[in-house]
Amino acid sequence: MDQMNVSIQRPVLSEPKFEELFSKPDVRSFSLVDSARKVCSRCTCSSKCVKSFLMETFPFVRIMRKYSLKNDLINDIISGLTVGVMNLPQ
């Protein structure tokens, strides 16, 4: 059986040099207040605007609007209890 060799040739970088070459620019994170100001500056306070803001800010609202309590709640409770009981010993 033949042996294969791999030769890797690259410069050795110090951590500061690596950060200089490959660091990503800082991305400013927006707070909820900043998001609200941005949305309010684009439109007037209509029900459509408020709904749009809620859907953009809280994506789970869109999911919960389609959630069927009658069909899904009991299954979700059973699933949650099962996961809780199985994770408890760990």
N, C-alpha and C. Protein backbone atom coordinates (compact mmCIF):
# COMPACT_ATOMS: atom_id res chain seq x y z
N MET A 1 0.84 -1.17 0.00
CA MET A 1 0.00 0.00 0.00
C MET A 1 0.89 1.24 0.00
N ASP A 2 0.62 2.13 -0.94
CA ASP A 2 1.43 3.34 -1.05
C ASP A 2 0.97 4.38 -0.04
N GLN A 3 1.95 5.07 0.53
CA GLN A 3 1.62 6.16 1.44
C GLN A 3 1.51 7.45 0.64
N MET A 4 0.55 8.26 1.04
CA MET A 4 0.37 9.55 0.39
C MET A 4 0.78 10.64 1.36
N ASN A 5 1.42 11.64 0.84
CA ASN A 5 1.84 12.78 1.66
C ASN A 5 1.13 14.03 1.18
N VAL A 6 0.82 14.86 2.15
CA VAL A 6 0.21 16.15 1.84
C VAL A 6 1.14 17.22 2.35
N SER A 7 1.45 18.16 1.49
CA SER A 7 2.31 19.27 1.88
C SER A 7 1.50 20.55 1.85
N ILE A 8 1.41 21.22 2.99
CA ILE A 8 0.68 22.48 3.07
C ILE A 8 1.68 23.58 3.30
N GLN A 9 1.65 24.55 2.41
CA GLN A 9 2.57 25.67 2.54
C GLN A 9 1.75 26.95 2.64
N ARG A 10 1.86 27.60 3.77
CA ARG A 10 1.17 28.86 3.98
C ARG A 10 1.96 29.66 5.00
N PRO A 11 1.77 30.95 5.01
CA PRO A 11 2.51 31.76 5.99
C PRO A 11 1.96 31.55 7.40
N VAL A 12 2.84 31.66 8.35
CA VAL A 12 2.44 31.57 9.75
C VAL A 12 2.00 32.97 10.17
N LEU A 13 0.80 33.05 10.74
CA LEU A 13 0.25 34.35 11.13
C LEU A 13 0.12 34.44 12.64
N SER A 14 0.44 35.60 13.15
CA SER A 14 0.17 35.85 14.56
C SER A 14 -1.32 36.18 14.68
N GLU A 15 -1.84 36.13 15.89
CA GLU A 15 -3.26 36.41 16.08
C GLU A 15 -3.64 37.83 15.65
N PRO A 16 -2.85 38.85 16.01
CA PRO A 16 -3.21 40.20 15.54
C PRO A 16 -3.21 40.32 14.02
N LYS A 17 -2.24 39.69 13.36
CA LYS A 17 -2.18 39.74 11.90
C LYS A 17 -3.37 39.00 11.28
N PHE A 18 -3.73 37.86 11.87
CA PHE A 18 -4.89 37.11 11.39
C PHE A 18 -6.16 37.95 11.51
N GLU A 19 -6.33 38.59 12.67
CA GLU A 19 -7.50 39.46 12.87
C GLU A 19 -7.52 40.60 11.87
N GLU A 20 -6.36 41.14 11.58
CA GLU A 20 -6.27 42.25 10.63
C GLU A 20 -6.70 41.79 9.23
N LEU A 21 -6.29 40.60 8.84
CA LEU A 21 -6.58 40.11 7.50
C LEU A 21 -7.99 39.56 7.34
N PHE A 22 -8.52 38.91 8.38
CA PHE A 22 -9.76 38.15 8.22
C PHE A 22 -10.91 38.59 9.11
N SER A 23 -10.75 39.64 9.88
CA SER A 23 -11.85 40.03 10.76
C SER A 23 -12.97 40.67 9.95
N LYS A 24 -14.18 40.44 10.40
CA LYS A 24 -15.35 41.02 9.75
C LYS A 24 -15.60 42.39 10.37
N PRO A 25 -16.11 43.29 9.57
CA PRO A 25 -16.43 44.61 10.15
C PRO A 25 -17.56 44.47 11.17
N ASP A 26 -17.54 45.33 12.17
CA ASP A 26 -18.57 45.29 13.20
C ASP A 26 -19.91 45.66 12.58
N VAL A 27 -20.89 44.83 12.87
CA VAL A 27 -22.24 45.10 12.41
C VAL A 27 -23.03 45.63 13.60
N ARG A 28 -23.61 46.78 13.42
CA ARG A 28 -24.36 47.39 14.52
C ARG A 28 -25.65 46.63 14.71
N SER A 29 -25.90 46.19 15.92
CA SER A 29 -27.15 45.52 16.20
C SER A 29 -28.19 46.56 16.59
N PHE A 30 -29.38 46.35 16.10
CA PHE A 30 -30.46 47.29 16.36
C PHE A 30 -31.28 46.81 17.55
N SER A 31 -31.59 47.72 18.42
CA SER A 31 -32.45 47.38 19.54
C SER A 31 -33.90 47.48 19.10
N LEU A 32 -34.79 47.06 19.95
CA LEU A 32 -36.21 47.13 19.66
C LEU A 32 -36.65 48.58 19.45
N VAL A 33 -36.08 49.47 20.25
CA VAL A 33 -36.42 50.89 20.12
C VAL A 33 -35.97 51.43 18.77
N ASP A 34 -34.76 51.06 18.35
CA ASP A 34 -34.27 51.49 17.04
C ASP A 34 -35.17 50.97 15.91
N SER A 35 -35.58 49.71 16.03
CA SER A 35 -36.46 49.13 15.01
C SER A 35 -37.79 49.86 14.97
N ALA A 36 -38.33 50.18 16.14
CA ALA A 36 -39.61 50.88 16.20
C ALA A 36 -39.49 52.26 15.57
N ARG A 37 -38.42 52.96 15.86
CA ARG A 37 -38.22 54.29 15.27
C ARG A 37 -38.11 54.21 13.75
N LYS A 38 -37.39 53.20 13.28
CA LYS A 38 -37.21 53.03 11.84
C LYS A 38 -38.56 52.79 11.15
N VAL A 39 -39.37 51.92 11.74
CA VAL A 39 -40.67 51.61 11.15
C VAL A 39 -41.59 52.82 11.21
N CYS A 40 -41.60 53.50 12.35
CA CYS A 40 -42.48 54.66 12.51
C CYS A 40 -42.09 55.80 11.58
N SER A 41 -40.83 55.90 11.24
CA SER A 41 -40.41 56.97 10.33
C SER A 41 -40.85 56.68 8.90
N ARG A 42 -41.09 55.41 8.58
CA ARG A 42 -41.48 55.04 7.22
C ARG A 42 -42.97 55.16 6.96
N CYS A 43 -43.78 55.07 7.99
CA CYS A 43 -45.22 55.08 7.75
C CYS A 43 -45.97 55.72 8.91
N THR A 44 -47.22 55.98 8.66
CA THR A 44 -48.06 56.53 9.71
C THR A 44 -48.58 55.41 10.58
N CYS A 45 -49.11 55.74 11.72
CA CYS A 45 -49.61 54.71 12.64
C CYS A 45 -50.99 54.23 12.21
N SER A 46 -51.01 53.37 11.24
CA SER A 46 -52.25 52.73 10.81
C SER A 46 -52.22 51.29 11.30
N SER A 47 -53.34 50.64 11.23
CA SER A 47 -53.39 49.24 11.67
C SER A 47 -52.49 48.37 10.79
N LYS A 48 -52.41 48.71 9.52
CA LYS A 48 -51.54 47.95 8.60
C LYS A 48 -50.07 48.11 9.00
N CYS A 49 -49.69 49.33 9.37
CA CYS A 49 -48.31 49.61 9.77
C CYS A 49 -47.97 48.88 11.07
N VAL A 50 -48.88 48.92 12.04
CA VAL A 50 -48.64 48.24 13.32
C VAL A 50 -48.52 46.74 13.10
N LYS A 51 -49.39 46.19 12.27
CA LYS A 51 -49.35 44.75 11.98
C LYS A 51 -48.03 44.38 11.31
N SER A 52 -47.59 45.19 10.36
CA SER A 52 -46.33 44.94 9.67
C SER A 52 -45.16 44.99 10.65
N PHE A 53 -45.19 45.97 11.55
CA PHE A 53 -44.13 46.09 12.55
C PHE A 53 -44.08 44.86 13.45
N LEU A 54 -45.24 44.40 13.91
CA LEU A 54 -45.28 43.22 14.78
C LEU A 54 -44.77 41.98 14.06
N MET A 55 -45.13 41.83 12.80
CA MET A 55 -44.69 40.66 12.04
C MET A 55 -43.18 40.67 11.80
N GLU A 56 -42.61 41.86 11.59
CA GLU A 56 -41.17 41.95 11.37
C GLU A 56 -40.39 41.79 12.67
N THR A 57 -40.91 42.35 13.74
CA THR A 57 -40.19 42.35 15.01
C THR A 57 -40.33 41.03 15.76
N PHE A 58 -41.52 40.46 15.72
CA PHE A 58 -41.80 39.22 16.44
C PHE A 58 -42.30 38.16 15.45
N PRO A 59 -41.38 37.43 14.80
CA PRO A 59 -41.78 36.46 13.77
C PRO A 59 -42.70 35.36 14.30
N PHE A 60 -42.64 35.07 15.60
CA PHE A 60 -43.48 34.01 16.13
C PHE A 60 -44.97 34.38 16.08
N VAL A 61 -45.27 35.67 15.97
CA VAL A 61 -46.67 36.11 15.89
C VAL A 61 -47.32 35.52 14.65
N ARG A 62 -46.60 35.50 13.54
CA ARG A 62 -47.12 34.94 12.29
C ARG A 62 -47.43 33.45 12.47
N ILE A 63 -46.56 32.75 13.16
CA ILE A 63 -46.77 31.32 13.39
C ILE A 63 -47.96 31.11 14.31
N MET A 64 -48.04 31.90 15.37
CA MET A 64 -49.11 31.72 16.35
C MET A 64 -50.48 32.07 15.77
N ARG A 65 -50.54 32.92 14.76
CA ARG A 65 -51.82 33.23 14.13
C ARG A 65 -52.40 32.01 13.44
N LYS A 66 -51.53 31.11 12.98
CA LYS A 66 -51.99 29.91 12.28
C LYS A 66 -52.07 28.69 13.20
N TYR A 67 -51.72 28.87 14.48
CA TYR A 67 -51.69 27.77 15.43
C TYR A 67 -53.11 27.38 15.81
N SER A 68 -53.41 26.11 15.77
CA SER A 68 -54.74 25.62 16.11
C SER A 68 -54.71 25.04 17.53
N LEU A 69 -55.30 25.76 18.47
CA LEU A 69 -55.35 25.28 19.85
C LEU A 69 -56.07 23.94 19.93
N LYS A 70 -57.17 23.84 19.23
CA LYS A 70 -58.00 22.64 19.29
C LYS A 70 -57.25 21.40 18.81
N ASN A 71 -56.49 21.53 17.73
CA ASN A 71 -55.81 20.37 17.14
C ASN A 71 -54.40 20.14 17.67
N ASP A 72 -53.70 21.19 18.06
CA ASP A 72 -52.27 21.06 18.34
C ASP A 72 -51.88 21.14 19.81
N LEU A 73 -52.69 21.79 20.64
CA LEU A 73 -52.26 22.07 22.01
C LEU A 73 -51.99 20.80 22.82
N ILE A 74 -52.89 19.83 22.79
CA ILE A 74 -52.70 18.62 23.60
C ILE A 74 -51.46 17.85 23.15
N ASN A 75 -51.22 17.78 21.84
CA ASN A 75 -50.01 17.10 21.34
C ASN A 75 -48.75 17.83 21.77
N ASP A 76 -48.78 19.16 21.76
CA ASP A 76 -47.61 19.93 22.17
C ASP A 76 -47.35 19.79 23.67
N ILE A 77 -48.40 19.71 24.46
CA ILE A 77 -48.22 19.51 25.91
C ILE A 77 -47.60 18.15 26.18
N ILE A 78 -48.11 17.12 25.52
CA ILE A 78 -47.57 15.76 25.69
C ILE A 78 -46.11 15.72 25.24
N SER A 79 -45.80 16.34 24.12
CA SER A 79 -44.42 16.38 23.63
C SER A 79 -43.51 17.09 24.62
N GLY A 80 -43.96 18.22 25.14
CA GLY A 80 -43.16 18.97 26.11
C GLY A 80 -42.91 18.19 27.38
N LEU A 81 -43.93 17.52 27.88
CA LEU A 81 -43.75 16.71 29.09
C LEU A 81 -42.81 15.54 28.83
N THR A 82 -42.93 14.91 27.68
CA THR A 82 -42.04 13.80 27.33
C THR A 82 -40.59 14.26 27.28
N VAL A 83 -40.33 15.35 26.62
CA VAL A 83 -38.97 15.88 26.54
C VAL A 83 -38.48 16.26 27.92
N GLY A 84 -39.33 16.89 28.73
CA GLY A 84 -38.94 17.27 30.09
C GLY A 84 -38.59 16.07 30.95
N VAL A 85 -39.39 15.02 30.87
CA VAL A 85 -39.13 13.82 31.67
C VAL A 85 -37.87 13.12 31.20
N MET A 86 -37.64 13.08 29.89
CA MET A 86 -36.45 12.41 29.37
C MET A 86 -35.18 13.19 29.68
N ASN A 87 -35.24 14.50 29.74
CA ASN A 87 -34.06 15.32 30.03
C ASN A 87 -33.80 15.47 31.51
N LEU A 88 -34.78 15.21 32.35
CA LEU A 88 -34.62 15.37 33.79
C LEU A 88 -33.48 14.52 34.35
N PRO A 89 -33.35 13.23 33.99
CA PRO A 89 -32.25 12.43 34.53
C PRO A 89 -30.87 12.91 34.08
N GLN A 90 -30.79 13.60 32.99
CA GLN A 90 -29.49 14.04 32.50
C GLN A 90 -29.03 15.21 33.31
